[in-house]
Amino acid sequence: MNTARRQRTRWFSRRPWRSLPIAEILARRHPSSPLHAPESCDGEITAHSYPASALPASNPFWGHSPGEQLVAEGKPRFLTGGILPAHTTHIWSLAQAGVVGDGGAVYCPQLRALITETARTINQRPEHHPALNFVRSPESMLAGVSVLLAGPFGQAHYHLLWDMLAKLALIPAALRPSINHYLVSAADNAVSRDWLQTANVPLDRVIWLSGGSHFLCEQLLFSSLPGDCTRPTPPVRTALNSLLHTPASRSSPLGRWLWISRRGQPLRDLLWEEQLLQVFPRFERVDLSDLSAVDQMRLFSDASVVAGPHGSGFANLAFVNGTGDVIEFLPAGASRNPLYARTALRAGWRHNWAHVDFARPSDLDSLVRSLKTTLPPS
């Protein structure tokens, strides 16, 4: 942010002009006080700690090399091996808390400071957060308890499940009936509403955030990222399944083979999908956009193989049971994002992938032979 603009904001407005960690916010709002003091809503509600984890291996079943990695700041964005450190997700409460924008940045009006843990964006550091650099509309007051289901991650299905609903899942069940407002950054459409209803969220209490949103909450529950970016964890998966009441076992011991079709979608349509499925008739072709949240969960809970072109449908690996195989097709030349590999392997499934030409198979016979070797007997 421009230094001169920062100083003008600091001295001539009431808006936040800096970013502070939540610990410092709480320390400044509540210095040492006598035992007989007014009660406060401010502080940590709960914390969920996840141990260090080894990065799982993913199988390039068609003889590929590891492939090109996504790059950020001139470095590979994702590690291909090693051990990730322990991670803790915190859920806090803050009285008289401000919320701005569709990403749900939280600020303390008393100290005029954004809370650093909520001021992260994909491409900017907290001190450069857009909320420090624009004039917002007047705030709307929200009485009672509000919960923030938002973050800087966009509106893909993966983030709806593993980020937004995961935050609700990590709030103790005994506290959820006290929630008066749900501040949600997902798109306001039938799909989002369906998943929220499945999570027992009353739709008449949902407030859909937009870029111009500005609220002042009497009491706000908010959290750090449930699993950090592209780091799904087994405890979050367990909490999600509990929140959504997913079936805990397969209805058939053999399991179903699911082909997640992306027909008609630009850049994700495997034009030779029909030829491949004729060779493997056990696959059931499914279009997840046609299915309710409950039907999707039941489908994945019964699966033993999930295959198809790269897409957010693989986020539903949150709901699988037992062991199984994932086959993920990536467009030829595309950078590899390990998100769904990590999602599969955290669920105890084997992840397999291949770079292919979506317009035409360069060697369908060779691909079929590799798949027959990789897939379990049909």
Protein backbone atom coordinates (compact mmCIF):
# COMPACT_ATOMS: atom_id res chain seq x y z
CA MET A 1 0.00 0.00 0.00
CA ASN A 2 1.19 3.51 -0.79
CA THR A 3 2.95 4.97 2.30
CA ALA A 4 1.34 8.39 1.95
CA ARG A 5 -2.10 6.83 1.67
CA ARG A 6 -1.41 4.70 4.74
CA GLN A 7 -0.55 7.82 6.75
CA ARG A 8 -3.63 9.69 5.52
CA THR A 9 -5.74 6.73 6.57
CA ARG A 10 -4.01 6.63 9.95
CA TRP A 11 -4.52 10.31 10.82
CA PHE A 12 -7.63 11.41 8.92
CA SER A 13 -10.04 8.45 8.91
CA ARG A 14 -11.60 5.88 11.21
CA ARG A 15 -10.68 2.91 9.01
CA PRO A 16 -8.10 0.23 9.87
CA TRP A 17 -4.64 1.32 8.83
CA ARG A 18 -2.45 -1.56 10.08
CA SER A 19 -2.46 -5.30 10.69
CA LEU A 20 -1.93 -6.91 14.11
CA PRO A 21 -1.93 -10.58 15.22
CA ILE A 22 -4.93 -11.68 17.26
CA ALA A 23 -2.74 -12.22 20.33
CA GLU A 24 -1.72 -8.56 20.29
CA ILE A 25 -5.31 -7.44 19.70
CA LEU A 26 -6.44 -9.38 22.78
CA ALA A 27 -3.51 -8.17 24.89
CA ARG A 28 -4.26 -4.53 24.05
CA ARG A 29 -7.99 -4.84 24.57
CA HIS A 30 -7.62 -6.65 27.86
CA PRO A 31 -4.58 -5.56 29.85
CA SER A 32 -4.20 -6.99 33.34
CA SER A 33 -7.46 -6.44 35.18
CA PRO A 34 -8.70 -7.22 38.69
CA LEU A 35 -10.49 -10.48 39.36
CA HIS A 36 -13.82 -8.69 39.81
CA ALA A 37 -14.11 -7.32 36.25
CA PRO A 38 -16.78 -7.34 33.54
CA GLU A 39 -17.05 -10.55 31.51
CA SER A 40 -15.70 -10.46 27.98
CA CYS A 41 -16.54 -12.37 24.79
CA ASP A 42 -12.97 -12.00 23.57
CA GLY A 43 -10.57 -14.93 23.38
CA GLU A 44 -10.00 -18.40 22.01
CA ILE A 45 -12.99 -20.72 21.73
CA THR A 46 -11.07 -23.85 20.80
CA ALA A 47 -7.93 -25.04 19.01
CA HIS A 48 -7.42 -28.13 16.87
CA SER A 49 -3.83 -29.30 16.53
CA TYR A 50 -2.64 -31.67 13.80
CA PRO A 51 0.71 -33.44 14.04
CA ALA A 52 3.51 -33.17 11.53
CA SER A 53 2.93 -35.24 8.41
CA ALA A 54 5.00 -36.76 5.65
CA LEU A 55 4.17 -35.68 2.12
CA PRO A 56 2.49 -38.60 0.38
CA ALA A 57 3.74 -40.11 -2.86
CA SER A 58 1.55 -39.99 -5.97
CA ASN A 59 1.77 -42.56 -8.76
CA PRO A 60 2.28 -41.37 -12.38
CA PHE A 61 0.68 -44.50 -13.80
CA TRP A 62 1.48 -43.78 -17.43
CA GLY A 63 5.24 -43.51 -16.99
CA HIS A 64 5.36 -39.74 -16.53
CA SER A 65 8.09 -37.81 -14.82
CA PRO A 66 6.89 -35.73 -11.84
CA GLY A 67 5.96 -32.86 -14.16
CA GLU A 68 6.18 -29.11 -13.86
CA GLN A 69 5.36 -27.54 -10.49
CA LEU A 70 3.33 -24.42 -9.90
CA VAL A 71 5.66 -21.52 -9.12
CA ALA A 72 5.22 -18.64 -6.68
CA GLU A 73 7.77 -15.89 -6.07
CA GLY A 74 10.15 -17.72 -8.38
CA LYS A 75 10.09 -20.96 -6.36
CA PRO A 76 8.08 -24.20 -6.64
CA ARG A 77 4.89 -23.59 -4.67
CA PHE A 78 4.51 -27.18 -3.44
CA LEU A 79 7.01 -29.60 -1.99
CA THR A 80 7.32 -32.98 -3.68
CA GLY A 81 8.69 -34.69 -0.59
CA GLY A 82 9.64 -34.11 3.01
CA ILE A 83 7.81 -33.52 6.28
CA LEU A 84 5.34 -30.72 6.89
CA PRO A 85 5.35 -29.23 10.41
CA ALA A 86 2.50 -29.49 12.88
CA HIS A 87 -0.45 -27.19 12.30
CA THR A 88 -3.05 -25.70 14.65
CA THR A 89 -6.42 -24.25 13.67
CA HIS A 90 -7.66 -21.66 16.16
CA ILE A 91 -11.24 -20.47 16.57
CA TRP A 92 -11.58 -17.10 18.29
CA SER A 93 -14.35 -14.87 19.53
CA LEU A 94 -14.25 -11.09 19.43
CA ALA A 95 -16.82 -8.56 20.60
CA GLN A 96 -17.59 -5.53 18.40
CA ALA A 97 -15.65 -6.99 15.48
CA GLY A 98 -15.74 -5.58 11.96
CA VAL A 99 -15.89 -7.72 8.81
CA VAL A 100 -15.07 -6.32 5.37
CA GLY A 101 -15.12 -7.65 1.81
CA ASP A 102 -15.98 -11.02 0.32
CA GLY A 103 -12.85 -12.57 1.80
CA GLY A 104 -14.05 -11.79 5.32
CA ALA A 105 -11.14 -9.78 6.71
CA VAL A 106 -11.77 -9.12 10.42
CA TYR A 107 -10.76 -5.90 12.13
CA CYS A 108 -10.92 -4.36 15.58
CA PRO A 109 -12.56 -0.90 15.38
CA GLN A 110 -11.21 0.02 18.83
CA LEU A 111 -7.58 -0.39 17.68
CA ARG A 112 -8.26 0.28 13.98
CA ALA A 113 -6.32 -2.84 13.08
CA LEU A 114 -6.98 -5.77 10.76
CA ILE A 115 -6.42 -9.13 12.41
CA THR A 116 -3.40 -10.60 10.65
CA GLU A 117 -4.69 -14.18 10.69
CA THR A 118 -7.70 -13.13 8.56
CA ALA A 119 -5.85 -10.63 6.37
CA ARG A 120 -4.04 -13.15 4.18
CA THR A 121 -4.72 -13.19 0.46
CA ILE A 122 -3.40 -15.48 -2.26
CA ASN A 123 -0.98 -12.89 -3.64
CA GLN A 124 -0.55 -10.22 -0.94
CA ARG A 125 0.84 -10.00 2.56
CA PRO A 126 -1.41 -8.83 5.43
CA GLU A 127 0.17 -5.37 5.52
CA HIS A 128 -0.91 -4.87 1.89
CA HIS A 129 -4.44 -6.20 2.27
CA PRO A 130 -6.99 -4.39 0.07
CA ALA A 131 -9.15 -3.59 3.11
CA LEU A 132 -6.44 -1.13 4.20
CA ASN A 133 -6.67 0.71 0.93
CA PHE A 134 -10.25 1.54 0.03
CA VAL A 135 -13.24 3.43 1.38
CA ARG A 136 -15.96 1.06 2.53
CA SER A 137 -19.68 1.59 2.76
CA PRO A 138 -21.13 2.33 6.23
CA GLU A 139 -21.24 -0.74 8.41
CA SER A 140 -24.41 -2.75 9.06
CA MET A 141 -24.91 -3.79 12.67
CA LEU A 142 -25.41 -7.49 13.46
CA ALA A 143 -26.76 -8.28 16.93
CA GLY A 144 -26.07 -11.56 18.68
CA VAL A 145 -23.50 -14.14 17.60
CA SER A 146 -22.17 -14.24 14.03
CA VAL A 147 -19.88 -16.89 12.54
CA LEU A 148 -17.55 -16.13 9.64
CA LEU A 149 -17.35 -18.82 6.94
CA ALA A 150 -15.06 -17.05 4.51
CA GLY A 151 -11.47 -16.75 3.37
CA PRO A 152 -9.14 -15.72 0.57
CA PHE A 153 -9.58 -18.83 -1.52
CA GLY A 154 -12.28 -18.28 -4.13
CA GLN A 155 -15.51 -20.17 -4.66
CA ALA A 156 -14.52 -23.60 -5.97
CA HIS A 157 -16.29 -26.63 -4.50
CA TYR A 158 -13.13 -27.72 -2.70
CA HIS A 159 -13.06 -24.47 -0.70
CA LEU A 160 -16.76 -24.65 0.10
CA LEU A 161 -16.15 -28.03 1.75
CA TRP A 162 -12.61 -27.99 3.11
CA ASP A 163 -12.41 -24.31 4.10
CA MET A 164 -15.84 -22.79 4.72
CA LEU A 165 -17.89 -25.72 6.00
CA ALA A 166 -14.80 -27.07 7.76
CA LYS A 167 -14.72 -23.92 9.90
CA LEU A 168 -18.29 -24.58 11.00
CA ALA A 169 -17.50 -28.26 11.60
CA LEU A 170 -14.65 -27.34 13.97
CA ILE A 171 -16.92 -25.20 16.18
CA PRO A 172 -18.13 -27.34 19.09
CA ALA A 173 -21.62 -28.67 18.35
CA ALA A 174 -22.93 -27.36 21.68
CA LEU A 175 -22.22 -23.77 20.57
CA ARG A 176 -23.86 -23.91 17.12
CA PRO A 177 -27.48 -23.36 18.29
CA SER A 178 -26.41 -19.94 19.62
CA ILE A 179 -25.38 -18.67 16.17
CA ASN A 180 -27.64 -15.89 14.84
CA HIS A 181 -25.87 -15.04 11.56
CA TYR A 182 -23.68 -16.98 9.11
CA LEU A 183 -21.41 -14.75 7.02
CA VAL A 184 -20.62 -16.82 3.91
CA SER A 185 -18.32 -15.98 1.00
CA ALA A 186 -19.57 -18.71 -1.35
CA ALA A 187 -21.65 -17.87 -4.40
CA ASP A 188 -25.35 -17.45 -3.60
CA ASN A 189 -26.71 -20.26 -5.75
CA ALA A 190 -28.65 -23.51 -5.44
CA VAL A 191 -25.48 -25.59 -4.96
CA SER A 192 -24.17 -23.52 -2.02
CA ARG A 193 -27.62 -23.42 -0.43
CA ASP A 194 -27.96 -27.19 -0.73
CA TRP A 195 -24.64 -27.85 1.03
CA LEU A 196 -25.42 -25.30 3.75
CA GLN A 197 -28.81 -26.87 4.40
CA THR A 198 -27.16 -30.30 4.55
CA ALA A 199 -24.90 -28.84 7.28
CA ASN A 200 -28.07 -27.74 9.15
CA VAL A 201 -27.46 -24.04 8.49
CA PRO A 202 -30.77 -22.11 8.49
CA LEU A 203 -30.78 -20.24 5.17
CA ASP A 204 -32.72 -17.32 6.64
CA ARG A 205 -29.68 -16.62 8.83
CA VAL A 206 -27.16 -16.63 5.97
CA ILE A 207 -25.58 -13.36 4.83
CA TRP A 208 -23.78 -13.65 1.49
CA LEU A 209 -20.60 -11.57 1.49
CA SER A 210 -19.62 -9.40 -1.46
CA GLY A 211 -16.74 -7.08 -2.23
CA GLY A 212 -18.59 -4.16 -0.66
CA SER A 213 -19.69 -5.95 2.52
CA HIS A 214 -19.06 -4.17 5.79
CA PHE A 215 -20.52 -5.45 9.08
CA LEU A 216 -20.01 -4.67 12.73
CA CYS A 217 -20.80 -7.78 14.78
CA GLU A 218 -21.81 -7.76 18.41
CA GLN A 219 -19.91 -11.03 18.79
CA LEU A 220 -18.00 -12.76 15.99
CA LEU A 221 -16.63 -16.32 15.82
CA PHE A 222 -13.84 -16.68 13.25
CA SER A 223 -10.84 -18.88 12.64
CA SER A 224 -7.52 -19.34 10.96
CA LEU A 225 -7.43 -21.63 7.91
CA PRO A 226 -8.65 -25.15 8.78
CA GLY A 227 -5.78 -26.94 7.07
CA ASP A 228 -3.73 -24.20 5.46
CA CYS A 229 -3.67 -24.00 1.66
CA THR A 230 -3.73 -27.44 -0.06
CA ARG A 231 -3.09 -29.23 3.21
CA PRO A 232 -6.20 -31.28 4.01
CA THR A 233 -5.94 -33.05 7.36
CA PRO A 234 -7.67 -36.20 8.66
CA PRO A 235 -9.21 -34.40 11.70
CA VAL A 236 -10.88 -31.83 9.42
CA ARG A 237 -12.17 -34.67 7.24
CA THR A 238 -13.58 -36.38 10.32
CA ALA A 239 -15.26 -33.16 11.49
CA LEU A 240 -16.79 -32.59 8.04
CA ASN A 241 -18.25 -36.09 7.92
CA SER A 242 -19.72 -35.62 11.38
CA LEU A 243 -21.26 -32.26 10.45
CA LEU A 244 -22.77 -33.59 7.21
CA HIS A 245 -23.76 -37.03 8.55
CA THR A 246 -21.97 -38.94 5.80
CA PRO A 247 -22.55 -42.72 5.66
CA ALA A 248 -19.74 -44.36 7.61
CA SER A 249 -19.32 -47.44 5.42
CA ARG A 250 -19.90 -48.73 1.89
CA SER A 251 -23.24 -50.33 1.13
CA SER A 252 -21.40 -52.89 -1.07
CA PRO A 253 -18.07 -54.54 -0.13
CA LEU A 254 -16.77 -54.27 -3.72
CA GLY A 255 -17.54 -50.59 -4.05
CA ARG A 256 -18.58 -48.60 -7.10
CA TRP A 257 -16.36 -47.23 -9.87
CA LEU A 258 -17.17 -43.58 -10.50
CA TRP A 259 -16.18 -41.62 -13.60
CA ILE A 260 -16.55 -37.90 -12.85
CA SER A 261 -17.47 -36.48 -16.23
CA ARG A 262 -16.76 -32.88 -17.25
CA ARG A 263 -18.50 -33.06 -20.63
CA GLY A 264 -19.18 -29.68 -22.18
CA GLN A 265 -16.88 -27.76 -19.83
CA PRO A 266 -14.09 -25.75 -21.48
CA LEU A 267 -10.55 -27.07 -20.91
CA ARG A 268 -11.80 -30.06 -18.84
CA ASP A 269 -13.76 -32.08 -21.43
CA LEU A 270 -12.07 -35.38 -22.33
CA LEU A 271 -13.33 -35.71 -25.90
CA TRP A 272 -12.35 -39.41 -26.04
CA GLU A 273 -14.06 -40.24 -22.76
CA GLU A 274 -16.62 -42.47 -24.51
CA GLN A 275 -13.92 -44.64 -26.09
CA LEU A 276 -12.21 -45.14 -22.75
CA LEU A 277 -15.40 -46.04 -20.87
CA GLN A 278 -16.32 -48.65 -23.46
CA VAL A 279 -13.16 -50.53 -22.44
CA PHE A 280 -14.04 -50.24 -18.72
CA PRO A 281 -17.81 -50.83 -18.47
CA ARG A 282 -17.74 -51.02 -14.69
CA PHE A 283 -17.37 -47.23 -14.52
CA GLU A 284 -20.54 -45.26 -13.80
CA ARG A 285 -20.43 -41.89 -15.54
CA VAL A 286 -21.73 -39.19 -13.18
CA ASP A 287 -22.22 -35.46 -13.57
CA LEU A 288 -22.00 -34.05 -10.06
CA SER A 289 -23.77 -30.84 -11.07
CA ASP A 290 -26.95 -32.93 -11.45
CA LEU A 291 -26.76 -34.38 -7.92
CA SER A 292 -27.75 -33.05 -4.52
CA ALA A 293 -25.22 -32.80 -1.70
CA VAL A 294 -26.70 -35.87 0.00
CA ASP A 295 -26.55 -37.90 -3.23
CA GLN A 296 -22.93 -36.90 -3.82
CA MET A 297 -21.93 -37.97 -0.33
CA ARG A 298 -23.70 -41.31 -0.67
CA LEU A 299 -22.12 -41.89 -4.06
CA PHE A 300 -18.56 -41.27 -2.84
CA SER A 301 -19.09 -43.18 0.40
CA ASP A 302 -19.89 -46.25 -1.75
CA ALA A 303 -16.97 -45.81 -4.17
CA SER A 304 -13.81 -47.90 -4.44
CA VAL A 305 -12.49 -46.16 -7.60
CA VAL A 306 -12.90 -42.50 -8.58
CA ALA A 307 -11.56 -41.31 -11.94
CA GLY A 308 -11.87 -38.41 -14.36
CA PRO A 309 -10.33 -35.14 -15.50
CA HIS A 310 -8.89 -32.76 -12.91
CA GLY A 311 -11.62 -30.75 -11.18
CA SER A 312 -13.21 -29.83 -7.88
CA GLY A 313 -15.39 -32.95 -7.88
CA PHE A 314 -12.39 -34.72 -6.35
CA ALA A 315 -12.99 -32.62 -3.21
CA ASN A 316 -15.70 -35.18 -2.42
CA LEU A 317 -12.94 -37.64 -1.57
CA ALA A 318 -13.68 -36.27 1.89
CA PHE A 319 -16.55 -38.77 1.99
CA VAL A 320 -14.92 -42.02 0.83
CA ASN A 321 -14.65 -45.12 3.01
CA GLY A 322 -12.15 -47.95 3.21
CA THR A 323 -9.34 -48.03 0.68
CA GLY A 324 -9.48 -47.32 -3.04
CA ASP A 325 -7.90 -45.79 -6.12
CA VAL A 326 -8.09 -42.30 -7.62
CA ILE A 327 -7.23 -41.72 -11.28
CA GLU A 328 -6.76 -38.03 -12.10
CA PHE A 329 -6.17 -36.88 -15.71
CA LEU A 330 -4.34 -33.58 -16.14
CA PRO A 331 -4.15 -31.59 -19.39
CA ALA A 332 -0.90 -32.11 -21.27
CA GLY A 333 1.64 -29.47 -20.25
CA ALA A 334 -0.35 -28.31 -17.20
CA SER A 335 1.44 -27.61 -13.94
CA ARG A 336 0.78 -30.19 -11.25
CA ASN A 337 -1.20 -29.12 -8.22
CA PRO A 338 -0.99 -31.82 -5.51
CA LEU A 339 -4.28 -30.83 -3.86
CA TYR A 340 -6.32 -33.88 -4.82
CA ALA A 341 -3.39 -36.23 -4.42
CA ARG A 342 -3.10 -35.07 -0.82
CA THR A 343 -6.88 -35.25 -0.35
CA ALA A 344 -6.94 -38.85 -1.59
CA LEU A 345 -3.97 -40.02 0.39
CA ARG A 346 -5.19 -38.38 3.61
CA ALA A 347 -8.29 -40.54 3.17
CA GLY A 348 -6.13 -43.66 2.85
CA TRP A 349 -6.57 -44.01 -0.93
CA ARG A 350 -3.91 -44.40 -3.63
CA HIS A 351 -3.62 -41.48 -6.04
CA ASN A 352 -2.67 -42.07 -9.68
CA TRP A 353 -2.33 -39.44 -12.37
CA ALA A 354 -1.36 -38.87 -16.00
CA HIS A 355 -0.85 -35.96 -18.36
CA VAL A 356 -3.01 -36.49 -21.46
CA ASP A 357 -4.19 -34.57 -24.50
CA PHE A 358 -7.86 -33.85 -23.74
CA ALA A 359 -8.69 -33.33 -27.43
CA ARG A 360 -7.36 -36.66 -28.67
CA PRO A 361 -5.54 -39.62 -27.15
CA SER A 362 -1.98 -39.80 -28.38
CA ASP A 363 -1.81 -43.53 -27.62
CA LEU A 364 -5.10 -44.91 -26.32
CA ASP A 365 -3.92 -48.54 -26.42
CA SER A 366 -0.94 -47.77 -24.19
CA LEU A 367 -3.13 -45.77 -21.82
CA VAL A 368 -5.63 -48.63 -21.56
CA ARG A 369 -2.83 -51.11 -20.76
CA SER A 370 -1.53 -48.83 -18.00
CA LEU A 371 -5.01 -48.42 -16.54
CA LYS A 372 -5.60 -52.18 -16.53
CA THR A 373 -2.38 -52.57 -14.56
CA THR A 374 -3.31 -49.79 -12.12
CA LEU A 375 -7.01 -50.50 -11.50
CA PRO A 376 -8.15 -53.39 -9.32
CA PRO A 377 -9.62 -56.44 -11.06
CA SER A 378 -13.14 -55.72 -12.32
